[in-house]
Amino acid sequence: MKVLLLFFLIISFNTKLYAQDYAKGYRAYNNGDYKAALKEFEPLALMGIPELQVLVGEAYMTGEGEGVPIDYKKSLKFFQLAANQNNKVGQHFLGHMYKMGKGVDINIQEAIKYYRMSAEQGFANAHNDLGNLYHYGMGVMKSKILAHMWYQIAAVNGYSTAKIYLAEEAAEMTEEQILKSLMLSIQCMSSNYKYCEW
């Protein structure tokens, strides 16, 4: 009984410390002190909080703020940690890293794999990126219909730039192609991304 009580006291104490570290990091982040925020968030991210893993990965990817260096290897590490926990944003960023060759060799098939994992969870940014891959035929067969389909899904899910791509794609398509794309979009979304054209 004493061991159990001690265990709960330690967990409670550590949780309070984590909360304090998070609060310090949050204040620093809101004040634009990204270096101080990163100092608080990185240890918490290493403890397994996927949202902070994404935040830390993004900070290292962009070099956000004074004193935060761009470090693609660290960025890749944190996105991978988040993706391993099925975090859709981490999966999307990991796809981006493979597509752009940041911290890793360019590997379009790996990029597609992670974009799809993110897209299956309804992440609009991943839908848009899949549209781009089909538009340019990067690692997939070039297809106006499938590019239009993914842009449509991205736009419906709130990715506003996708509306521009959607209009540009539609301008080069027949009515029959647009109709087919819309039917595929409906099928994909109504099946909760289980029955999509990949």
N, C-alpha and C. Protein backbone atom coordinates (compact mmCIF):
# COMPACT_ATOMS: atom_id res chain seq x y z
N MET A 1 0.83 -1.19 0.00
CA MET A 1 0.00 0.00 0.00
C MET A 1 0.87 1.26 0.00
N LYS A 2 1.95 1.26 0.80
CA LYS A 2 2.84 2.42 0.86
C LYS A 2 3.53 2.63 -0.48
N VAL A 3 3.91 1.53 -1.13
CA VAL A 3 4.57 1.63 -2.44
C VAL A 3 3.62 2.25 -3.46
N LEU A 4 2.36 1.83 -3.43
CA LEU A 4 1.36 2.36 -4.34
C LEU A 4 1.13 3.85 -4.10
N LEU A 5 1.06 4.25 -2.85
CA LEU A 5 0.87 5.66 -2.50
C LEU A 5 2.07 6.48 -2.96
N LEU A 6 3.28 5.95 -2.74
CA LEU A 6 4.49 6.64 -3.18
C LEU A 6 4.50 6.80 -4.70
N PHE A 7 4.09 5.73 -5.40
CA PHE A 7 4.02 5.78 -6.87
C PHE A 7 3.10 6.92 -7.33
N PHE A 8 1.91 7.02 -6.74
CA PHE A 8 0.95 8.06 -7.13
C PHE A 8 1.47 9.47 -6.78
N LEU A 9 2.19 9.59 -5.66
CA LEU A 9 2.77 10.88 -5.29
C LEU A 9 3.83 11.30 -6.30
N ILE A 10 4.67 10.34 -6.73
CA ILE A 10 5.71 10.64 -7.72
C ILE A 10 5.07 11.05 -9.04
N ILE A 11 4.06 10.29 -9.49
CA ILE A 11 3.37 10.61 -10.74
C ILE A 11 2.73 11.99 -10.65
N SER A 12 2.07 12.26 -9.54
CA SER A 12 1.41 13.55 -9.33
C SER A 12 2.43 14.68 -9.36
N PHE A 13 3.57 14.49 -8.67
CA PHE A 13 4.62 15.50 -8.63
C PHE A 13 5.18 15.75 -10.03
N ASN A 14 5.47 14.66 -10.76
CA ASN A 14 6.00 14.79 -12.11
C ASN A 14 5.01 15.47 -13.04
N THR A 15 3.73 15.14 -12.90
CA THR A 15 2.70 15.76 -13.73
C THR A 15 2.66 17.27 -13.48
N LYS A 16 2.79 17.67 -12.21
CA LYS A 16 2.82 19.10 -11.89
C LYS A 16 4.03 19.77 -12.52
N LEU A 17 5.19 19.09 -12.46
CA LEU A 17 6.40 19.65 -13.07
C LEU A 17 6.23 19.78 -14.58
N TYR A 18 5.66 18.75 -15.21
CA TYR A 18 5.43 18.80 -16.66
C TYR A 18 4.50 19.96 -17.00
N ALA A 19 3.46 20.12 -16.19
CA ALA A 19 2.50 21.20 -16.43
C ALA A 19 3.18 22.55 -16.29
N GLN A 20 4.08 22.67 -15.29
CA GLN A 20 4.80 23.93 -15.11
C GLN A 20 5.72 24.19 -16.30
N ASP A 21 6.43 23.15 -16.77
CA ASP A 21 7.31 23.30 -17.93
C ASP A 21 6.50 23.70 -19.16
N TYR A 22 5.35 23.06 -19.32
CA TYR A 22 4.50 23.38 -20.47
C TYR A 22 4.01 24.83 -20.38
N ALA A 23 3.59 25.24 -19.19
CA ALA A 23 3.10 26.61 -19.01
C ALA A 23 4.20 27.63 -19.31
N LYS A 24 5.43 27.34 -18.86
CA LYS A 24 6.56 28.24 -19.16
C LYS A 24 6.81 28.30 -20.67
N GLY A 25 6.78 27.15 -21.29
CA GLY A 25 6.99 27.09 -22.74
C GLY A 25 5.90 27.81 -23.50
N TYR A 26 4.67 27.64 -23.05
CA TYR A 26 3.52 28.28 -23.70
C TYR A 26 3.63 29.80 -23.60
N ARG A 27 3.99 30.29 -22.41
CA ARG A 27 4.15 31.75 -22.24
C ARG A 27 5.26 32.28 -23.14
N ALA A 28 6.38 31.58 -23.18
CA ALA A 28 7.51 32.00 -24.01
C ALA A 28 7.10 32.00 -25.49
N TYR A 29 6.38 30.97 -25.90
CA TYR A 29 5.94 30.87 -27.30
C TYR A 29 5.03 32.05 -27.65
N ASN A 30 4.07 32.34 -26.79
CA ASN A 30 3.15 33.45 -27.04
C ASN A 30 3.84 34.81 -27.02
N ASN A 31 4.96 34.89 -26.31
CA ASN A 31 5.73 36.15 -26.27
C ASN A 31 6.75 36.23 -27.40
N GLY A 32 6.77 35.22 -28.27
CA GLY A 32 7.69 35.23 -29.40
C GLY A 32 9.10 34.80 -29.05
N ASP A 33 9.30 34.26 -27.85
CA ASP A 33 10.62 33.77 -27.44
C ASP A 33 10.67 32.27 -27.74
N TYR A 34 10.88 31.96 -29.02
CA TYR A 34 10.81 30.57 -29.47
C TYR A 34 11.97 29.73 -28.93
N LYS A 35 13.10 30.35 -28.70
CA LYS A 35 14.24 29.61 -28.14
C LYS A 35 13.90 29.11 -26.74
N ALA A 36 13.32 29.99 -25.90
CA ALA A 36 12.94 29.59 -24.54
C ALA A 36 11.81 28.56 -24.58
N ALA A 37 10.87 28.74 -25.50
CA ALA A 37 9.76 27.78 -25.63
C ALA A 37 10.30 26.41 -26.01
N LEU A 38 11.23 26.39 -26.94
CA LEU A 38 11.82 25.12 -27.39
C LEU A 38 12.55 24.43 -26.24
N LYS A 39 13.21 25.21 -25.39
CA LYS A 39 13.92 24.65 -24.24
C LYS A 39 12.96 23.92 -23.31
N GLU A 40 11.75 24.43 -23.16
CA GLU A 40 10.75 23.79 -22.30
C GLU A 40 10.03 22.64 -23.01
N PHE A 41 9.72 22.84 -24.29
CA PHE A 41 8.91 21.87 -25.02
C PHE A 41 9.68 20.62 -25.45
N GLU A 42 10.96 20.77 -25.79
CA GLU A 42 11.69 19.62 -26.32
C GLU A 42 11.75 18.44 -25.35
N PRO A 43 12.08 18.65 -24.07
CA PRO A 43 12.07 17.50 -23.15
C PRO A 43 10.68 16.86 -23.02
N LEU A 44 9.64 17.68 -23.06
CA LEU A 44 8.28 17.13 -22.98
C LEU A 44 7.95 16.33 -24.24
N ALA A 45 8.41 16.83 -25.37
CA ALA A 45 8.20 16.11 -26.63
C ALA A 45 8.89 14.75 -26.60
N LEU A 46 10.08 14.72 -26.03
CA LEU A 46 10.81 13.45 -25.92
C LEU A 46 10.13 12.46 -24.98
N MET A 47 9.26 12.98 -24.12
CA MET A 47 8.50 12.11 -23.22
C MET A 47 7.28 11.51 -23.89
N GLY A 48 7.00 11.94 -25.13
CA GLY A 48 5.95 11.28 -25.89
C GLY A 48 4.70 12.07 -26.17
N ILE A 49 4.72 13.38 -26.05
CA ILE A 49 3.52 14.18 -26.35
C ILE A 49 3.54 14.54 -27.83
N PRO A 50 2.68 13.90 -28.66
CA PRO A 50 2.78 14.06 -30.11
C PRO A 50 2.58 15.50 -30.59
N GLU A 51 1.70 16.26 -29.95
CA GLU A 51 1.48 17.64 -30.38
C GLU A 51 2.73 18.48 -30.19
N LEU A 52 3.45 18.23 -29.11
CA LEU A 52 4.70 18.94 -28.89
C LEU A 52 5.81 18.42 -29.79
N GLN A 53 5.76 17.14 -30.13
CA GLN A 53 6.73 16.59 -31.08
C GLN A 53 6.59 17.31 -32.43
N VAL A 54 5.36 17.54 -32.85
CA VAL A 54 5.12 18.27 -34.10
C VAL A 54 5.62 19.70 -33.98
N LEU A 55 5.29 20.36 -32.88
CA LEU A 55 5.70 21.74 -32.67
C LEU A 55 7.22 21.87 -32.69
N VAL A 56 7.91 20.99 -31.99
CA VAL A 56 9.38 21.02 -31.95
C VAL A 56 9.95 20.69 -33.33
N GLY A 57 9.37 19.70 -34.00
CA GLY A 57 9.82 19.35 -35.35
C GLY A 57 9.67 20.52 -36.31
N GLU A 58 8.56 21.23 -36.20
CA GLU A 58 8.32 22.37 -37.07
C GLU A 58 9.30 23.51 -36.76
N ALA A 59 9.60 23.71 -35.49
CA ALA A 59 10.56 24.76 -35.10
C ALA A 59 11.93 24.48 -35.72
N TYR A 60 12.38 23.23 -35.65
CA TYR A 60 13.68 22.88 -36.24
C TYR A 60 13.63 22.89 -37.77
N MET A 61 12.48 22.62 -38.34
CA MET A 61 12.36 22.63 -39.80
C MET A 61 12.45 24.05 -40.36
N THR A 62 11.84 24.99 -39.66
CA THR A 62 11.77 26.37 -40.18
C THR A 62 12.79 27.30 -39.56
N GLY A 63 13.42 26.88 -38.44
CA GLY A 63 14.31 27.79 -37.73
C GLY A 63 13.54 28.96 -37.18
N GLU A 64 12.33 28.66 -36.70
CA GLU A 64 11.41 29.70 -36.25
C GLU A 64 11.98 30.50 -35.08
N GLY A 65 12.13 31.77 -35.29
CA GLY A 65 12.55 32.67 -34.23
C GLY A 65 14.05 32.74 -34.05
N GLU A 66 14.49 33.81 -33.45
CA GLU A 66 15.91 34.02 -33.21
C GLU A 66 16.43 32.98 -32.23
N GLY A 67 17.58 32.42 -32.57
CA GLY A 67 18.20 31.45 -31.67
C GLY A 67 17.76 30.02 -31.88
N VAL A 68 16.80 29.78 -32.79
CA VAL A 68 16.38 28.41 -33.10
C VAL A 68 17.00 28.04 -34.45
N PRO A 69 17.96 27.13 -34.44
CA PRO A 69 18.62 26.78 -35.70
C PRO A 69 17.77 25.84 -36.56
N ILE A 70 17.95 25.93 -37.86
CA ILE A 70 17.34 24.93 -38.73
C ILE A 70 18.16 23.66 -38.57
N ASP A 71 17.48 22.58 -38.26
CA ASP A 71 18.14 21.30 -38.07
C ASP A 71 17.19 20.22 -38.59
N TYR A 72 17.35 19.86 -39.86
CA TYR A 72 16.42 18.92 -40.50
C TYR A 72 16.48 17.53 -39.87
N LYS A 73 17.64 17.12 -39.39
CA LYS A 73 17.74 15.79 -38.75
C LYS A 73 16.88 15.74 -37.48
N LYS A 74 16.97 16.80 -36.67
CA LYS A 74 16.15 16.84 -35.45
C LYS A 74 14.67 16.96 -35.82
N SER A 75 14.39 17.77 -36.82
CA SER A 75 13.01 17.94 -37.27
C SER A 75 12.42 16.60 -37.69
N LEU A 76 13.17 15.88 -38.51
CA LEU A 76 12.74 14.56 -38.98
C LEU A 76 12.49 13.62 -37.81
N LYS A 77 13.38 13.65 -36.83
CA LYS A 77 13.26 12.78 -35.64
C LYS A 77 11.93 13.04 -34.92
N PHE A 78 11.61 14.32 -34.69
CA PHE A 78 10.39 14.64 -33.94
C PHE A 78 9.13 14.35 -34.76
N PHE A 79 9.17 14.60 -36.06
CA PHE A 79 8.01 14.25 -36.90
C PHE A 79 7.80 12.73 -36.92
N GLN A 80 8.91 11.98 -36.96
CA GLN A 80 8.81 10.52 -36.95
C GLN A 80 8.20 10.03 -35.63
N LEU A 81 8.61 10.63 -34.52
CA LEU A 81 8.05 10.26 -33.22
C LEU A 81 6.53 10.50 -33.20
N ALA A 82 6.11 11.65 -33.73
CA ALA A 82 4.67 11.96 -33.76
C ALA A 82 3.94 11.02 -34.72
N ALA A 83 4.53 10.78 -35.89
CA ALA A 83 3.90 9.90 -36.88
C ALA A 83 3.75 8.48 -36.33
N ASN A 84 4.73 8.05 -35.56
CA ASN A 84 4.66 6.70 -34.95
C ASN A 84 3.49 6.57 -33.98
N GLN A 85 3.01 7.71 -33.49
CA GLN A 85 1.85 7.71 -32.60
C GLN A 85 0.56 8.02 -33.37
N ASN A 86 0.63 7.90 -34.67
CA ASN A 86 -0.52 8.10 -35.56
C ASN A 86 -1.04 9.55 -35.54
N ASN A 87 -0.13 10.49 -35.32
CA ASN A 87 -0.49 11.90 -35.36
C ASN A 87 -0.52 12.35 -36.82
N LYS A 88 -1.68 12.81 -37.27
CA LYS A 88 -1.86 13.14 -38.69
C LYS A 88 -1.00 14.32 -39.14
N VAL A 89 -0.75 15.27 -38.26
CA VAL A 89 0.08 16.41 -38.63
C VAL A 89 1.55 15.97 -38.74
N GLY A 90 1.98 15.15 -37.80
CA GLY A 90 3.33 14.60 -37.86
C GLY A 90 3.54 13.76 -39.11
N GLN A 91 2.53 12.96 -39.48
CA GLN A 91 2.62 12.16 -40.70
C GLN A 91 2.73 13.05 -41.92
N HIS A 92 1.94 14.12 -41.95
CA HIS A 92 1.98 15.04 -43.09
C HIS A 92 3.35 15.68 -43.21
N PHE A 93 3.88 16.20 -42.09
CA PHE A 93 5.20 16.84 -42.14
C PHE A 93 6.29 15.85 -42.51
N LEU A 94 6.17 14.61 -42.05
CA LEU A 94 7.15 13.59 -42.40
C LEU A 94 7.11 13.34 -43.90
N GLY A 95 5.90 13.30 -44.47
CA GLY A 95 5.77 13.19 -45.93
C GLY A 95 6.46 14.34 -46.63
N HIS A 96 6.29 15.53 -46.10
CA HIS A 96 6.92 16.73 -46.68
C HIS A 96 8.45 16.61 -46.65
N MET A 97 8.98 16.11 -45.53
CA MET A 97 10.43 15.96 -45.40
C MET A 97 10.97 15.00 -46.46
N TYR A 98 10.25 13.89 -46.68
CA TYR A 98 10.69 12.93 -47.70
C TYR A 98 10.52 13.50 -49.10
N LYS A 99 9.48 14.25 -49.33
CA LYS A 99 9.26 14.84 -50.65
C LYS A 99 10.33 15.86 -50.99
N MET A 100 10.72 16.67 -50.02
CA MET A 100 11.67 17.75 -50.25
C MET A 100 13.13 17.35 -49.99
N GLY A 101 13.34 16.18 -49.39
CA GLY A 101 14.70 15.75 -49.08
C GLY A 101 15.32 16.56 -47.96
N LYS A 102 14.55 16.84 -46.93
CA LYS A 102 15.04 17.61 -45.79
C LYS A 102 15.38 16.65 -44.65
N GLY A 103 16.67 16.50 -44.38
CA GLY A 103 17.12 15.61 -43.32
C GLY A 103 17.16 14.15 -43.74
N VAL A 104 16.83 13.91 -44.98
CA VAL A 104 16.75 12.55 -45.51
C VAL A 104 16.83 12.64 -47.03
N ASP A 105 17.22 11.56 -47.69
CA ASP A 105 17.22 11.57 -49.15
C ASP A 105 15.79 11.70 -49.66
N ILE A 106 15.63 12.36 -50.80
CA ILE A 106 14.30 12.45 -51.41
C ILE A 106 13.79 11.04 -51.67
N ASN A 107 12.55 10.79 -51.24
CA ASN A 107 11.93 9.49 -51.46
C ASN A 107 10.42 9.73 -51.61
N ILE A 108 9.99 9.86 -52.85
CA ILE A 108 8.59 10.20 -53.13
C ILE A 108 7.65 9.10 -52.65
N GLN A 109 8.07 7.85 -52.73
CA GLN A 109 7.19 6.76 -52.28
C GLN A 109 6.96 6.84 -50.76
N GLU A 110 7.98 7.19 -50.01
CA GLU A 110 7.81 7.39 -48.56
C GLU A 110 6.92 8.60 -48.30
N ALA A 111 7.12 9.65 -49.09
CA ALA A 111 6.27 10.85 -48.95
C ALA A 111 4.81 10.48 -49.18
N ILE A 112 4.55 9.73 -50.23
CA ILE A 112 3.18 9.31 -50.55
C ILE A 112 2.61 8.48 -49.40
N LYS A 113 3.42 7.57 -48.87
CA LYS A 113 2.97 6.72 -47.77
C LYS A 113 2.49 7.56 -46.59
N TYR A 114 3.27 8.55 -46.20
CA TYR A 114 2.90 9.38 -45.04
C TYR A 114 1.78 10.36 -45.36
N TYR A 115 1.75 10.90 -46.57
CA TYR A 115 0.62 11.75 -46.96
C TYR A 115 -0.69 10.96 -46.90
N ARG A 116 -0.64 9.72 -47.38
CA ARG A 116 -1.86 8.89 -47.36
C ARG A 116 -2.30 8.59 -45.93
N MET A 117 -1.35 8.29 -45.06
CA MET A 117 -1.69 8.01 -43.66
C MET A 117 -2.38 9.23 -43.05
N SER A 118 -1.86 10.40 -43.33
CA SER A 118 -2.45 11.64 -42.83
C SER A 118 -3.81 11.91 -43.48
N ALA A 119 -3.88 11.69 -44.79
CA ALA A 119 -5.13 11.92 -45.53
C ALA A 119 -6.25 11.02 -45.03
N GLU A 120 -5.91 9.78 -44.69
CA GLU A 120 -6.91 8.83 -44.19
C GLU A 120 -7.51 9.29 -42.87
N GLN A 121 -6.83 10.20 -42.19
CA GLN A 121 -7.35 10.76 -40.94
C GLN A 121 -8.06 12.09 -41.17
N GLY A 122 -8.21 12.47 -42.44
CA GLY A 122 -8.97 13.67 -42.77
C GLY A 122 -8.19 14.97 -42.74
N PHE A 123 -6.86 14.91 -42.82
CA PHE A 123 -6.06 16.13 -42.75
C PHE A 123 -6.01 16.82 -44.11
N ALA A 124 -6.60 18.01 -44.20
CA ALA A 124 -6.77 18.72 -45.47
C ALA A 124 -5.44 19.04 -46.15
N ASN A 125 -4.41 19.36 -45.40
CA ASN A 125 -3.11 19.66 -46.00
C ASN A 125 -2.58 18.46 -46.78
N ALA A 126 -2.78 17.28 -46.23
CA ALA A 126 -2.34 16.05 -46.90
C ALA A 126 -3.17 15.81 -48.15
N HIS A 127 -4.46 16.11 -48.10
CA HIS A 127 -5.31 15.97 -49.29
C HIS A 127 -4.77 16.87 -50.40
N ASN A 128 -4.44 18.10 -50.04
CA ASN A 128 -3.93 19.05 -51.03
C ASN A 128 -2.61 18.56 -51.63
N ASP A 129 -1.72 18.04 -50.77
CA ASP A 129 -0.43 17.56 -51.26
C ASP A 129 -0.59 16.36 -52.17
N LEU A 130 -1.57 15.50 -51.88
CA LEU A 130 -1.84 14.39 -52.79
C LEU A 130 -2.34 14.92 -54.14
N GLY A 131 -3.16 15.97 -54.10
CA GLY A 131 -3.60 16.61 -55.33
C GLY A 131 -2.42 17.10 -56.15
N ASN A 132 -1.44 17.71 -55.48
CA ASN A 132 -0.25 18.18 -56.18
C ASN A 132 0.53 17.03 -56.82
N LEU A 133 0.66 15.93 -56.08
CA LEU A 133 1.39 14.78 -56.63
C LEU A 133 0.72 14.25 -57.88
N TYR A 134 -0.61 14.16 -57.88
CA TYR A 134 -1.33 13.69 -59.08
C TYR A 134 -1.29 14.73 -60.19
N HIS A 135 -1.31 16.00 -59.83
CA HIS A 135 -1.24 17.06 -60.84
C HIS A 135 0.07 16.98 -61.62
N TYR A 136 1.18 16.79 -60.89
CA TYR A 136 2.50 16.76 -61.53
C TYR A 136 2.97 15.35 -61.90
N GLY A 137 2.26 14.33 -61.45
CA GLY A 137 2.68 12.96 -61.71
C GLY A 137 3.95 12.60 -60.96
N MET A 138 4.06 13.04 -59.72
CA MET A 138 5.24 12.75 -58.90
C MET A 138 5.02 11.46 -58.10
N GLY A 139 5.64 10.39 -58.54
CA GLY A 139 5.54 9.12 -57.84
C GLY A 139 4.22 8.39 -58.07
N VAL A 140 3.31 9.03 -58.79
CA VAL A 140 2.02 8.45 -59.14
C VAL A 140 1.74 8.79 -60.61
N MET A 141 0.75 8.10 -61.17
CA MET A 141 0.36 8.41 -62.53
C MET A 141 -0.25 9.81 -62.57
N LYS A 142 0.17 10.63 -63.51
CA LYS A 142 -0.39 11.98 -63.65
C LYS A 142 -1.87 11.84 -64.01
N SER A 143 -2.72 12.53 -63.25
CA SER A 143 -4.16 12.40 -63.47
C SER A 143 -4.88 13.68 -63.06
N LYS A 144 -5.51 14.34 -64.01
CA LYS A 144 -6.30 15.53 -63.72
C LYS A 144 -7.49 15.16 -62.83
N ILE A 145 -8.08 14.01 -63.09
CA ILE A 145 -9.26 13.58 -62.33
C ILE A 145 -8.91 13.38 -60.86
N LEU A 146 -7.81 12.67 -60.59
CA LEU A 146 -7.43 12.42 -59.20
C LEU A 146 -6.87 13.67 -58.52
N ALA A 147 -6.17 14.51 -59.27
CA ALA A 147 -5.71 15.77 -58.71
C ALA A 147 -6.92 16.61 -58.31
N HIS A 148 -7.90 16.69 -59.19
CA HIS A 148 -9.13 17.47 -58.93
C HIS A 148 -9.86 16.88 -57.72
N MET A 149 -9.93 15.55 -57.66
CA MET A 149 -10.60 14.89 -56.54
C MET A 149 -9.96 15.30 -55.21
N TRP A 150 -8.63 15.22 -55.12
CA TRP A 150 -7.95 15.53 -53.86
C TRP A 150 -8.03 17.02 -53.54
N TYR A 151 -7.97 17.88 -54.55
CA TYR A 151 -8.14 19.32 -54.30
C TYR A 151 -9.56 19.60 -53.79
N GLN A 152 -10.53 18.89 -54.36
CA GLN A 152 -11.92 19.06 -53.91
C GLN A 152 -12.06 18.66 -52.44
N ILE A 153 -11.50 17.54 -52.09
CA ILE A 153 -11.57 17.06 -50.71
C ILE A 153 -10.85 18.03 -49.77
N ALA A 154 -9.68 18.52 -50.19
CA ALA A 154 -8.94 19.50 -49.38
C ALA A 154 -9.76 20.76 -49.17
N ALA A 155 -10.39 21.25 -50.24
CA ALA A 155 -11.20 22.48 -50.15
C ALA A 155 -12.39 22.29 -49.22
N VAL A 156 -13.07 21.15 -49.34
CA VAL A 156 -14.22 20.86 -48.49
C VAL A 156 -13.80 20.81 -47.02
N ASN A 157 -12.59 20.32 -46.78
CA ASN A 157 -12.08 20.19 -45.41
C ASN A 157 -11.37 21.44 -44.90
N GLY A 158 -11.50 22.54 -45.64
CA GLY A 158 -11.03 23.82 -45.12
C GLY A 158 -9.68 24.32 -45.58
N TYR A 159 -9.04 23.64 -46.51
CA TYR A 159 -7.75 24.13 -47.01
C TYR A 159 -8.04 25.12 -48.14
N SER A 160 -8.02 26.40 -47.82
CA SER A 160 -8.53 27.43 -48.74
C SER A 160 -7.75 27.53 -50.04
N THR A 161 -6.44 27.35 -50.02
CA THR A 161 -5.65 27.43 -51.24
C THR A 161 -6.04 26.36 -52.25
N ALA A 162 -6.58 25.26 -51.76
CA ALA A 162 -7.00 24.18 -52.66
C ALA A 162 -8.06 24.65 -53.64
N LYS A 163 -8.84 25.66 -53.25
CA LYS A 163 -9.88 26.19 -54.14
C LYS A 163 -9.26 26.78 -55.41
N ILE A 164 -8.11 27.39 -55.27
CA ILE A 164 -7.41 27.95 -56.44
C ILE A 164 -6.95 26.82 -57.34
N TYR A 165 -6.31 25.81 -56.75
CA TYR A 165 -5.84 24.66 -57.53
C TYR A 165 -7.01 23.93 -58.19
N LEU A 166 -8.10 23.85 -57.47
CA LEU A 166 -9.31 23.19 -57.97
C LEU A 166 -9.82 23.89 -59.23
N ALA A 167 -9.88 25.21 -59.17
CA ALA A 167 -10.36 25.99 -60.32
C ALA A 167 -9.40 25.86 -61.50
N GLU A 168 -8.11 25.90 -61.23
CA GLU A 168 -7.11 25.77 -62.30
C GLU A 168 -7.20 24.40 -62.95
N GLU A 169 -7.37 23.37 -62.13
CA GLU A 169 -7.47 22.00 -62.66
C GLU A 169 -8.75 21.87 -63.50
N ALA A 170 -9.85 22.38 -62.98
CA ALA A 170 -11.14 22.27 -63.67
C ALA A 170 -11.13 22.97 -65.02
N ALA A 171 -10.37 24.05 -65.14
CA ALA A 171 -10.30 24.80 -66.40
C ALA A 171 -9.73 23.96 -67.53
N GLU A 172 -9.01 22.91 -67.20
CA GLU A 172 -8.39 22.05 -68.21
C GLU A 172 -9.08 20.70 -68.33
N MET A 173 -10.26 20.57 -67.74
CA MET A 173 -10.97 19.29 -67.74
C MET A 173 -12.29 19.39 -68.49
N THR A 174 -12.77 18.25 -68.97
CA THR A 174 -14.10 18.19 -69.58
C THR A 174 -15.14 18.08 -68.46
N GLU A 175 -16.39 18.33 -68.80
CA GLU A 175 -17.46 18.19 -67.80
C GLU A 175 -17.54 16.75 -67.30
N GLU A 176 -17.32 15.82 -68.19
CA GLU A 176 -17.36 14.40 -67.82
C GLU A 176 -16.25 14.07 -66.81
N GLN A 177 -15.05 14.62 -67.01
CA GLN A 177 -13.95 14.39 -66.09
C GLN A 177 -14.25 15.01 -64.71
N ILE A 178 -14.83 16.21 -64.74
CA ILE A 178 -15.17 16.88 -63.47
C ILE A 178 -16.21 16.09 -62.71
N LEU A 179 -17.22 15.60 -63.42
CA LEU A 179 -18.27 14.80 -62.80
C LEU A 179 -17.69 13.54 -62.18
N LYS A 180 -16.79 12.86 -62.92
CA LYS A 180 -16.17 11.65 -62.39
C LYS A 180 -15.37 11.97 -61.13
N SER A 181 -14.63 13.08 -61.16
CA SER A 181 -13.85 13.50 -60.00
C SER A 181 -14.75 13.76 -58.80
N LEU A 182 -15.87 14.44 -59.03
CA LEU A 182 -16.79 14.74 -57.92
C LEU A 182 -17.38 13.47 -57.34
N MET A 183 -17.71 12.51 -58.19
CA MET A 183 -18.25 11.23 -57.71
C MET A 183 -17.20 10.49 -56.87
N LEU A 184 -15.94 10.53 -57.32
CA LEU A 184 -14.87 9.89 -56.56
C LEU A 184 -14.66 10.59 -55.22
N SER A 185 -14.79 11.93 -55.21
CA SER A 185 -14.66 12.70 -53.96
C SER A 185 -15.73 12.29 -52.96
N ILE A 186 -16.95 12.17 -53.45
CA ILE A 186 -18.07 11.78 -52.58
C ILE A 186 -17.84 10.39 -52.02
N GLN A 187 -17.43 9.47 -52.89
CA GLN A 187 -17.16 8.10 -52.46
C GLN A 187 -16.07 8.07 -51.39
N CYS A 188 -15.02 8.82 -51.61
CA CYS A 188 -13.89 8.85 -50.67
C CYS A 188 -14.32 9.41 -49.32
N MET A 189 -14.96 10.56 -49.32
CA MET A 189 -15.33 11.20 -48.05
C MET A 189 -16.43 10.44 -47.32
N SER A 190 -17.42 9.92 -48.07
CA SER A 190 -18.52 9.21 -47.41
C SER A 190 -18.08 7.87 -46.82
N SER A 191 -16.96 7.34 -47.31
CA SER A 191 -16.44 6.08 -46.76
C SER A 191 -15.42 6.34 -45.65
N ASN A 192 -15.34 7.61 -45.21
CA ASN A 192 -14.36 8.00 -44.19
C ASN A 192 -12.94 7.65 -44.63
N TYR A 193 -12.67 7.92 -45.92
CA TYR A 193 -11.36 7.76 -46.56
C TYR A 193 -10.92 6.30 -46.69
N LYS A 194 -11.89 5.38 -46.67
CA LYS A 194 -11.55 3.97 -46.85
C LYS A 194 -11.52 3.59 -48.34
N TYR A 195 -12.41 4.22 -49.12
CA TYR A 195 -12.52 3.87 -50.54
C TYR A 195 -12.19 5.10 -51.40
N CYS A 196 -10.91 5.38 -51.46
CA CYS A 196 -10.42 6.51 -52.25
C CYS A 196 -9.56 5.98 -53.40
N GLU A 197 -9.52 6.74 -54.44
CA GLU A 197 -8.61 6.41 -55.54
C GLU A 197 -7.23 6.89 -55.12
N TRP A 198 -6.30 5.95 -55.01
CA TRP A 198 -4.94 6.29 -54.63
C TRP A 198 -4.08 6.19 -55.85
